[in-house]
Amino acid sequence: MKELKVETSTIKSVRFEKPYFYWQVEGDTKDGPFCQKCFEYEGKFSRLTVCHDGNDGYWHCGVCEETYRPKDHTSNAS
């Protein structure tokens, strides 16, 4: 029962922001962004990192290798 309460409180503190980011929210503090794929398929909070490829920046998940490009709002993992 205690585990269920912890899971429920975690779910309440998660916010999805279009097009593809999850954030953990505690009051006025926002932590993240976290990978949409890892959270939705595995229930994991995998922090995204900002990368640069010479043109535009993009977000990358080091766990599932998903890539999110803000310009076209699409994921590019295979």
PDB file of N, CA and C in Angstrom:
ATOM      1  N   MET A   1       0.826  -1.188   0.000  1.00  0.00           N
ATOM      2  CA  MET A   1       0.000   0.000   0.000  1.00  0.00           C
ATOM      3  C   MET A   1       0.874   1.258   0.000  1.00  0.00           C
ATOM      4  N   LYS A   2       1.980   1.221   0.734  1.00  0.00           N
ATOM      5  CA  LYS A   2       2.873   2.371   0.789  1.00  0.00           C
ATOM      6  C   LYS A   2       3.451   2.661  -0.597  1.00  0.00           C
ATOM      7  N   GLU A   3       3.838   1.602  -1.344  1.00  0.00           N
ATOM      8  CA  GLU A   3       4.377   1.784  -2.686  1.00  0.00           C
ATOM      9  C   GLU A   3       3.353   2.444  -3.602  1.00  0.00           C
ATOM     10  N   LEU A   4       2.100   2.048  -3.481  1.00  0.00           N
ATOM     11  CA  LEU A   4       1.040   2.622  -4.291  1.00  0.00           C
ATOM     12  C   LEU A   4       0.901   4.121  -4.025  1.00  0.00           C
ATOM     13  N   LYS A   5       0.993   4.526  -2.762  1.00  0.00           N
ATOM     14  CA  LYS A   5       0.912   5.947  -2.420  1.00  0.00           C
ATOM     15  C   LYS A   5       2.065   6.720  -3.034  1.00  0.00           C
ATOM     16  N   VAL A   6       3.267   6.151  -3.022  1.00  0.00           N
ATOM     17  CA  VAL A   6       4.438   6.813  -3.596  1.00  0.00           C
ATOM     18  C   VAL A   6       4.239   6.957  -5.102  1.00  0.00           C
ATOM     19  N   GLU A   7       3.785   5.900  -5.781  1.00  0.00           N
ATOM     20  CA  GLU A   7       3.549   5.965  -7.215  1.00  0.00           C
ATOM     21  C   GLU A   7       2.510   7.026  -7.543  1.00  0.00           C
ATOM     22  N   THR A   8       1.444   7.087  -6.806  1.00  0.00           N
ATOM     23  CA  THR A   8       0.384   8.052  -7.047  1.00  0.00           C
ATOM     24  C   THR A   8       0.899   9.475  -6.888  1.00  0.00           C
ATOM     25  N   SER A   9       1.692   9.736  -5.860  1.00  0.00           N
ATOM     26  CA  SER A   9       2.210  11.084  -5.671  1.00  0.00           C
ATOM     27  C   SER A   9       3.181  11.454  -6.777  1.00  0.00           C
ATOM     28  N   THR A  10       3.932  10.482  -7.304  1.00  0.00           N
ATOM     29  CA  THR A  10       4.848  10.746  -8.405  1.00  0.00           C
ATOM     30  C   THR A  10       4.064  11.103  -9.658  1.00  0.00           C
ATOM     31  N   ILE A  11       3.014  10.362  -9.932  1.00  0.00           N
ATOM     32  CA  ILE A  11       2.212  10.615 -11.120  1.00  0.00           C
ATOM     33  C   ILE A  11       1.592  12.009 -11.058  1.00  0.00           C
ATOM     34  N   LYS A  12       1.135  12.425  -9.909  1.00  0.00           N
ATOM     35  CA  LYS A  12       0.529  13.752  -9.776  1.00  0.00           C
ATOM     36  C   LYS A  12       1.536  14.864 -10.023  1.00  0.00           C
ATOM     37  N   SER A  13       2.827  14.611  -9.822  1.00  0.00           N
ATOM     38  CA  SER A  13       3.828  15.658  -9.980  1.00  0.00           C
ATOM     39  C   SER A  13       4.463  15.647 -11.372  1.00  0.00           C
ATOM     40  N   VAL A  14       3.906  14.873 -12.297  1.00  0.00           N
ATOM     41  CA  VAL A  14       4.442  14.805 -13.650  1.00  0.00           C
ATOM     42  C   VAL A  14       3.562  15.633 -14.586  1.00  0.00           C
ATOM     43  N   ARG A  15       4.212  16.426 -15.426  1.00  0.00           N
ATOM     44  CA  ARG A  15       3.476  17.237 -16.393  1.00  0.00           C
ATOM     45  C   ARG A  15       4.031  16.967 -17.788  1.00  0.00           C
ATOM     46  N   PHE A  16       3.137  16.740 -18.745  1.00  0.00           N
ATOM     47  CA  PHE A  16       3.534  16.586 -20.142  1.00  0.00           C
ATOM     48  C   PHE A  16       3.352  17.919 -20.847  1.00  0.00           C
ATOM     49  N   GLU A  17       4.375  18.321 -21.600  1.00  0.00           N
ATOM     50  CA  GLU A  17       4.283  19.544 -22.390  1.00  0.00           C
ATOM     51  C   GLU A  17       4.531  19.188 -23.846  1.00  0.00           C
ATOM     52  N   LYS A  18       3.591  19.565 -24.687  1.00  0.00           N
ATOM     53  CA  LYS A  18       3.727  19.289 -26.117  1.00  0.00           C
ATOM     54  C   LYS A  18       4.974  19.963 -26.649  1.00  0.00           C
ATOM     55  N   PRO A  19       5.687  19.400 -27.575  1.00  0.00           N
ATOM     56  CA  PRO A  19       5.290  18.225 -28.313  1.00  0.00           C
ATOM     57  C   PRO A  19       5.725  16.897 -27.709  1.00  0.00           C
ATOM     58  N   TYR A  20       6.729  16.881 -26.804  1.00  0.00           N
ATOM     59  CA  TYR A  20       7.217  15.571 -26.366  1.00  0.00           C
ATOM     60  C   TYR A  20       7.992  15.547 -25.059  1.00  0.00           C
ATOM     61  N   PHE A  21       7.831  16.495 -24.171  1.00  0.00           N
ATOM     62  CA  PHE A  21       8.608  16.510 -22.931  1.00  0.00           C
ATOM     63  C   PHE A  21       7.771  16.196 -21.702  1.00  0.00           C
ATOM     64  N   TYR A  22       8.363  15.450 -20.778  1.00  0.00           N
ATOM     65  CA  TYR A  22       7.787  15.251 -19.445  1.00  0.00           C
ATOM     66  C   TYR A  22       8.645  16.007 -18.450  1.00  0.00           C
ATOM     67  N   TRP A  23       7.995  16.587 -17.463  1.00  0.00           N
ATOM     68  CA  TRP A  23       8.663  17.327 -16.395  1.00  0.00           C
ATOM     69  C   TRP A  23       8.130  16.834 -15.059  1.00  0.00           C
ATOM     70  N   GLN A  24       8.961  16.847 -14.021  1.00  0.00           N
ATOM     71  CA  GLN A  24       8.496  16.612 -12.657  1.00  0.00           C
ATOM     72  C   GLN A  24       8.311  17.981 -12.037  1.00  0.00           C
ATOM     73  N   VAL A  25       7.146  18.196 -11.427  1.00  0.00           N
ATOM     74  CA  VAL A  25       6.812  19.504 -10.880  1.00  0.00           C
ATOM     75  C   VAL A  25       6.554  19.386  -9.387  1.00  0.00           C
ATOM     76  N   GLU A  26       7.232  20.222  -8.625  1.00  0.00           N
ATOM     77  CA  GLU A  26       7.043  20.325  -7.175  1.00  0.00           C
ATOM     78  C   GLU A  26       6.860  21.798  -6.855  1.00  0.00           C
ATOM     79  N   GLY A  27       5.642  22.216  -6.627  1.00  0.00           N
ATOM     80  CA  GLY A  27       5.374  23.632  -6.363  1.00  0.00           C
ATOM     81  C   GLY A  27       5.756  24.482  -7.549  1.00  0.00           C
ATOM     82  N   ASP A  28       6.704  25.414  -7.354  1.00  0.00           N
ATOM     83  CA  ASP A  28       7.164  26.286  -8.435  1.00  0.00           C
ATOM     84  C   ASP A  28       8.396  25.734  -9.152  1.00  0.00           C
ATOM     85  N   THR A  29       8.876  24.572  -8.723  1.00  0.00           N
ATOM     86  CA  THR A  29      10.084  23.988  -9.290  1.00  0.00           C
ATOM     87  C   THR A  29       9.743  22.958 -10.352  1.00  0.00           C
ATOM     88  N   LYS A  30      10.391  23.081 -11.515  1.00  0.00           N
ATOM     89  CA  LYS A  30      10.170  22.174 -12.633  1.00  0.00           C
ATOM     90  C   LYS A  30      11.498  21.491 -12.947  1.00  0.00           C
ATOM     91  N   ASP A  31      11.530  20.154 -12.934  1.00  0.00           N
ATOM     92  CA  ASP A  31      12.743  19.382 -13.175  1.00  0.00           C
ATOM     93  C   ASP A  31      12.575  18.586 -14.457  1.00  0.00           C
ATOM     94  N   GLY A  32      13.589  18.585 -15.305  1.00  0.00           N
ATOM     95  CA  GLY A  32      13.520  17.839 -16.551  1.00  0.00           C
ATOM     96  C   GLY A  32      14.216  18.609 -17.652  1.00  0.00           C
ATOM     97  N   PRO A  33      13.918  18.327 -18.884  1.00  0.00           N
ATOM     98  CA  PRO A  33      12.879  17.439 -19.385  1.00  0.00           C
ATOM     99  C   PRO A  33      13.314  15.975 -19.349  1.00  0.00           C
ATOM    100  N   PHE A  34      12.319  15.103 -19.396  1.00  0.00           N
ATOM    101  CA  PHE A  34      12.539  13.665 -19.393  1.00  0.00           C
ATOM    102  C   PHE A  34      11.984  13.062 -20.677  1.00  0.00           C
ATOM    103  N   CYS A  35      12.562  11.953 -21.095  1.00  0.00           N
ATOM    104  CA  CYS A  35      12.228  11.296 -22.351  1.00  0.00           C
ATOM    105  C   CYS A  35      10.798  10.754 -22.361  1.00  0.00           C
ATOM    106  N   GLN A  36      10.058  11.129 -23.385  1.00  0.00           N
ATOM    107  CA  GLN A  36       8.679  10.665 -23.542  1.00  0.00           C
ATOM    108  C   GLN A  36       8.636   9.155 -23.731  1.00  0.00           C
ATOM    109  N   LYS A  37       9.495   8.619 -24.563  1.00  0.00           N
ATOM    110  CA  LYS A  37       9.492   7.186 -24.852  1.00  0.00           C
ATOM    111  C   LYS A  37       9.809   6.370 -23.598  1.00  0.00           C
ATOM    112  N   CYS A  38      10.838   6.733 -22.864  1.00  0.00           N
ATOM    113  CA  CYS A  38      11.207   5.999 -21.645  1.00  0.00           C
ATOM    114  C   CYS A  38      10.092   6.056 -20.605  1.00  0.00           C
ATOM    115  N   PHE A  39       9.469   7.230 -20.445  1.00  0.00           N
ATOM    116  CA  PHE A  39       8.427   7.370 -19.442  1.00  0.00           C
ATOM    117  C   PHE A  39       7.177   6.583 -19.829  1.00  0.00           C
ATOM    118  N   GLU A  40       6.750   6.704 -21.080  1.00  0.00           N
ATOM    119  CA  GLU A  40       5.512   6.057 -21.495  1.00  0.00           C
ATOM    120  C   GLU A  40       5.629   4.550 -21.636  1.00  0.00           C
ATOM    121  N   TYR A  41       6.786   4.042 -22.061  1.00  0.00           N
ATOM    122  CA  TYR A  41       6.932   2.602 -22.270  1.00  0.00           C
ATOM    123  C   TYR A  41       7.549   1.862 -21.092  1.00  0.00           C
ATOM    124  N   GLU A  42       8.398   2.543 -20.321  1.00  0.00           N
ATOM    125  CA  GLU A  42       9.120   1.871 -19.238  1.00  0.00           C
ATOM    126  C   GLU A  42       8.815   2.440 -17.861  1.00  0.00           C
ATOM    127  N   GLY A  43       8.156   3.600 -17.808  1.00  0.00           N
ATOM    128  CA  GLY A  43       7.882   4.249 -16.533  1.00  0.00           C
ATOM    129  C   GLY A  43       9.124   4.847 -15.899  1.00  0.00           C
ATOM    130  N   LYS A  44      10.148   5.132 -16.724  1.00  0.00           N
ATOM    131  CA  LYS A  44      11.425   5.659 -16.234  1.00  0.00           C
ATOM    132  C   LYS A  44      11.546   7.146 -16.530  1.00  0.00           C
ATOM    133  N   PHE A  45      12.197   7.843 -15.626  1.00  0.00           N
ATOM    134  CA  PHE A  45      12.514   9.252 -15.835  1.00  0.00           C
ATOM    135  C   PHE A  45      13.949   9.327 -16.352  1.00  0.00           C
ATOM    136  N   SER A  46      14.107   9.334 -17.658  1.00  0.00           N
ATOM    137  CA  SER A  46      15.420   9.426 -18.290  1.00  0.00           C
ATOM    138  C   SER A  46      15.624  10.862 -18.755  1.00  0.00           C
ATOM    139  N   ARG A  47      16.581  11.523 -18.147  1.00  0.00           N
ATOM    140  CA  ARG A  47      16.810  12.942 -18.431  1.00  0.00           C
ATOM    141  C   ARG A  47      17.352  13.124 -19.847  1.00  0.00           C
ATOM    142  N   LEU A  48      16.799  14.102 -20.551  1.00  0.00           N
ATOM    143  CA  LEU A  48      17.282  14.432 -21.885  1.00  0.00           C
ATOM    144  C   LEU A  48      18.425  15.429 -21.782  1.00  0.00           C
ATOM    145  N   THR A  49      19.352  15.344 -22.718  1.00  0.00           N
ATOM    146  CA  THR A  49      20.460  16.293 -22.771  1.00  0.00           C
ATOM    147  C   THR A  49      20.390  17.059 -24.079  1.00  0.00           C
ATOM    148  N   VAL A  50      20.876  18.287 -24.063  1.00  0.00           N
ATOM    149  CA  VAL A  50      20.903  19.118 -25.258  1.00  0.00           C
ATOM    150  C   VAL A  50      22.179  18.797 -26.023  1.00  0.00           C
ATOM    151  N   CYS A  51      22.037  18.598 -27.326  1.00  0.00           N
ATOM    152  CA  CYS A  51      23.182  18.321 -28.195  1.00  0.00           C
ATOM    153  C   CYS A  51      23.140  19.284 -29.375  1.00  0.00           C
ATOM    154  N   HIS A  52      24.266  19.430 -30.047  1.00  0.00           N
ATOM    155  CA  HIS A  52      24.340  20.308 -31.222  1.00  0.00           C
ATOM    156  C   HIS A  52      24.994  19.537 -32.353  1.00  0.00           C
ATOM    157  N   ASP A  53      24.448  19.693 -33.563  1.00  0.00           N
ATOM    158  CA  ASP A  53      24.991  18.969 -34.719  1.00  0.00           C
ATOM    159  C   ASP A  53      25.499  19.914 -35.809  1.00  0.00           C
ATOM    160  N   GLY A  54      25.792  21.146 -35.442  1.00  0.00           N
ATOM    161  CA  GLY A  54      26.284  22.111 -36.414  1.00  0.00           C
ATOM    162  C   GLY A  54      25.185  22.983 -36.992  1.00  0.00           C
ATOM    163  N   ASN A  55      23.969  22.499 -36.984  1.00  0.00           N
ATOM    164  CA  ASN A  55      22.845  23.292 -37.489  1.00  0.00           C
ATOM    165  C   ASN A  55      22.016  23.776 -36.318  1.00  0.00           C
ATOM    166  N   ASP A  56      21.121  22.947 -35.874  1.00  0.00           N
ATOM    167  CA  ASP A  56      20.248  23.276 -34.751  1.00  0.00           C
ATOM    168  C   ASP A  56      20.525  22.332 -33.599  1.00  0.00           C
ATOM    169  N   GLY A  57      20.148  22.749 -32.405  1.00  0.00           N
ATOM    170  CA  GLY A  57      20.267  21.872 -31.260  1.00  0.00           C
ATOM    171  C   GLY A  57      19.144  20.852 -31.246  1.00  0.00           C
ATOM    172  N   TYR A  58      19.339  19.792 -30.498  1.00  0.00           N
ATOM    173  CA  TYR A  58      18.313  18.774 -30.342  1.00  0.00           C
ATOM    174  C   TYR A  58      18.453  18.145 -28.978  1.00  0.00           C
ATOM    175  N   TRP A  59      17.431  17.421 -28.551  1.00  0.00           N
ATOM    176  CA  TRP A  59      17.433  16.729 -27.272  1.00  0.00           C
ATOM    177  C   TRP A  59      17.713  15.260 -27.523  1.00  0.00           C
ATOM    178  N   HIS A  60      18.495  14.631 -26.637  1.00  0.00           N
ATOM    179  CA  HIS A  60      18.872  13.228 -26.812  1.00  0.00           C
ATOM    180  C   HIS A  60      18.724  12.470 -25.499  1.00  0.00           C
ATOM    181  N   CYS A  61      18.175  11.258 -25.582  1.00  0.00           N
ATOM    182  CA  CYS A  61      18.078  10.376 -24.418  1.00  0.00           C
ATOM    183  C   CYS A  61      19.205   9.357 -24.489  1.00  0.00           C
ATOM    184  N   GLY A  62      20.055   9.333 -23.485  1.00  0.00           N
ATOM    185  CA  GLY A  62      21.171   8.399 -23.439  1.00  0.00           C
ATOM    186  C   GLY A  62      20.758   6.984 -23.067  1.00  0.00           C
ATOM    187  N   VAL A  63      19.516   6.788 -22.634  1.00  0.00           N
ATOM    188  CA  VAL A  63      19.038   5.465 -22.245  1.00  0.00           C
ATOM    189  C   VAL A  63      18.491   4.709 -23.457  1.00  0.00           C
ATOM    190  N   CYS A  64      17.523   5.304 -24.166  1.00  0.00           N
ATOM    191  CA  CYS A  64      16.894   4.615 -25.302  1.00  0.00           C
ATOM    192  C   CYS A  64      17.414   5.116 -26.648  1.00  0.00           C
ATOM    193  N   GLU A  65      18.270   6.135 -26.619  1.00  0.00           N
ATOM    194  CA  GLU A  65      18.865   6.727 -27.818  1.00  0.00           C
ATOM    195  C   GLU A  65      17.871   7.492 -28.691  1.00  0.00           C
ATOM    196  N   GLU A  66      16.715   7.839 -28.143  1.00  0.00           N
ATOM    197  CA  GLU A  66      15.733   8.640 -28.871  1.00  0.00           C
ATOM    198  C   GLU A  66      16.268  10.056 -29.045  1.00  0.00           C
ATOM    199  N   THR A  67      15.970  10.671 -30.182  1.00  0.00           N
ATOM    200  CA  THR A  67      16.380  12.034 -30.480  1.00  0.00           C
ATOM    201  C   THR A  67      15.143  12.854 -30.789  1.00  0.00           C
ATOM    202  N   TYR A  68      15.064  14.039 -30.193  1.00  0.00           N
ATOM    203  CA  TYR A  68      13.928  14.935 -30.403  1.00  0.00           C
ATOM    204  C   TYR A  68      14.442  16.248 -30.960  1.00  0.00           C
ATOM    205  N   ARG A  69      13.925  16.636 -32.114  1.00  0.00           N
ATOM    206  CA  ARG A  69      14.339  17.879 -32.760  1.00  0.00           C
ATOM    207  C   ARG A  69      13.225  18.912 -32.625  1.00  0.00           C
ATOM    208  N   PRO A  70      13.509  20.025 -31.960  1.00  0.00           N
ATOM    209  CA  PRO A  70      12.459  21.021 -31.702  1.00  0.00           C
ATOM    210  C   PRO A  70      11.904  21.681 -32.955  1.00  0.00           C
ATOM    211  N   LYS A  71      12.689  21.773 -33.995  1.00  0.00           N
ATOM    212  CA  LYS A  71      12.244  22.474 -35.190  1.00  0.00           C
ATOM    213  C   LYS A  71      11.068  21.770 -35.870  1.00  0.00           C
ATOM    214  N   ASP A  72      11.153  20.440 -35.999  1.00  0.00           N
ATOM    215  CA  ASP A  72      10.094  19.725 -36.686  1.00  0.00           C
ATOM    216  C   ASP A  72       9.218  18.912 -35.734  1.00  0.00           C
ATOM    217  N   HIS A  73       9.542  18.938 -34.458  1.00  0.00           N
ATOM    218  CA  HIS A  73       8.746  18.240 -33.434  1.00  0.00           C
ATOM    219  C   HIS A  73       8.560  16.758 -33.721  1.00  0.00           C
ATOM    220  N   THR A  74       9.584  16.117 -34.233  1.00  0.00           N
ATOM    221  CA  THR A  74       9.502  14.683 -34.493  1.00  0.00           C
ATOM    222  C   THR A  74      10.631  13.978 -33.785  1.00  0.00           C
ATOM    223  N   SER A  75      10.449  12.706 -33.502  1.00  0.00           N
ATOM    224  CA  SER A  75      11.532  11.917 -32.940  1.00  0.00           C
ATOM    225  C   SER A  75      12.211  11.208 -34.099  1.00  0.00           C
ATOM    226  N   ASN A  76      13.502  10.936 -33.954  1.00  0.00           N
ATOM    227  CA  ASN A  76      14.277  10.398 -35.060  1.00  0.00           C
ATOM    228  C   ASN A  76      15.010   9.112 -34.708  1.00  0.00           C
ATOM    229  N   ALA A  77      14.584   8.400 -33.707  1.00  0.00           N
ATOM    230  CA  ALA A  77      15.256   7.152 -33.352  1.00  0.00           C
ATOM    231  C   ALA A  77      14.770   6.043 -34.274  1.00  0.00           C
ATOM    232  N   SER A  78      15.604   5.064 -34.420  1.00  0.00           N
ATOM    233  CA  SER A  78      15.196   3.925 -35.250  1.00  0.00           C
ATOM    234  C   SER A  78      14.810   2.754 -34.382  1.00  0.00           C
TER     235      SER A  78
END
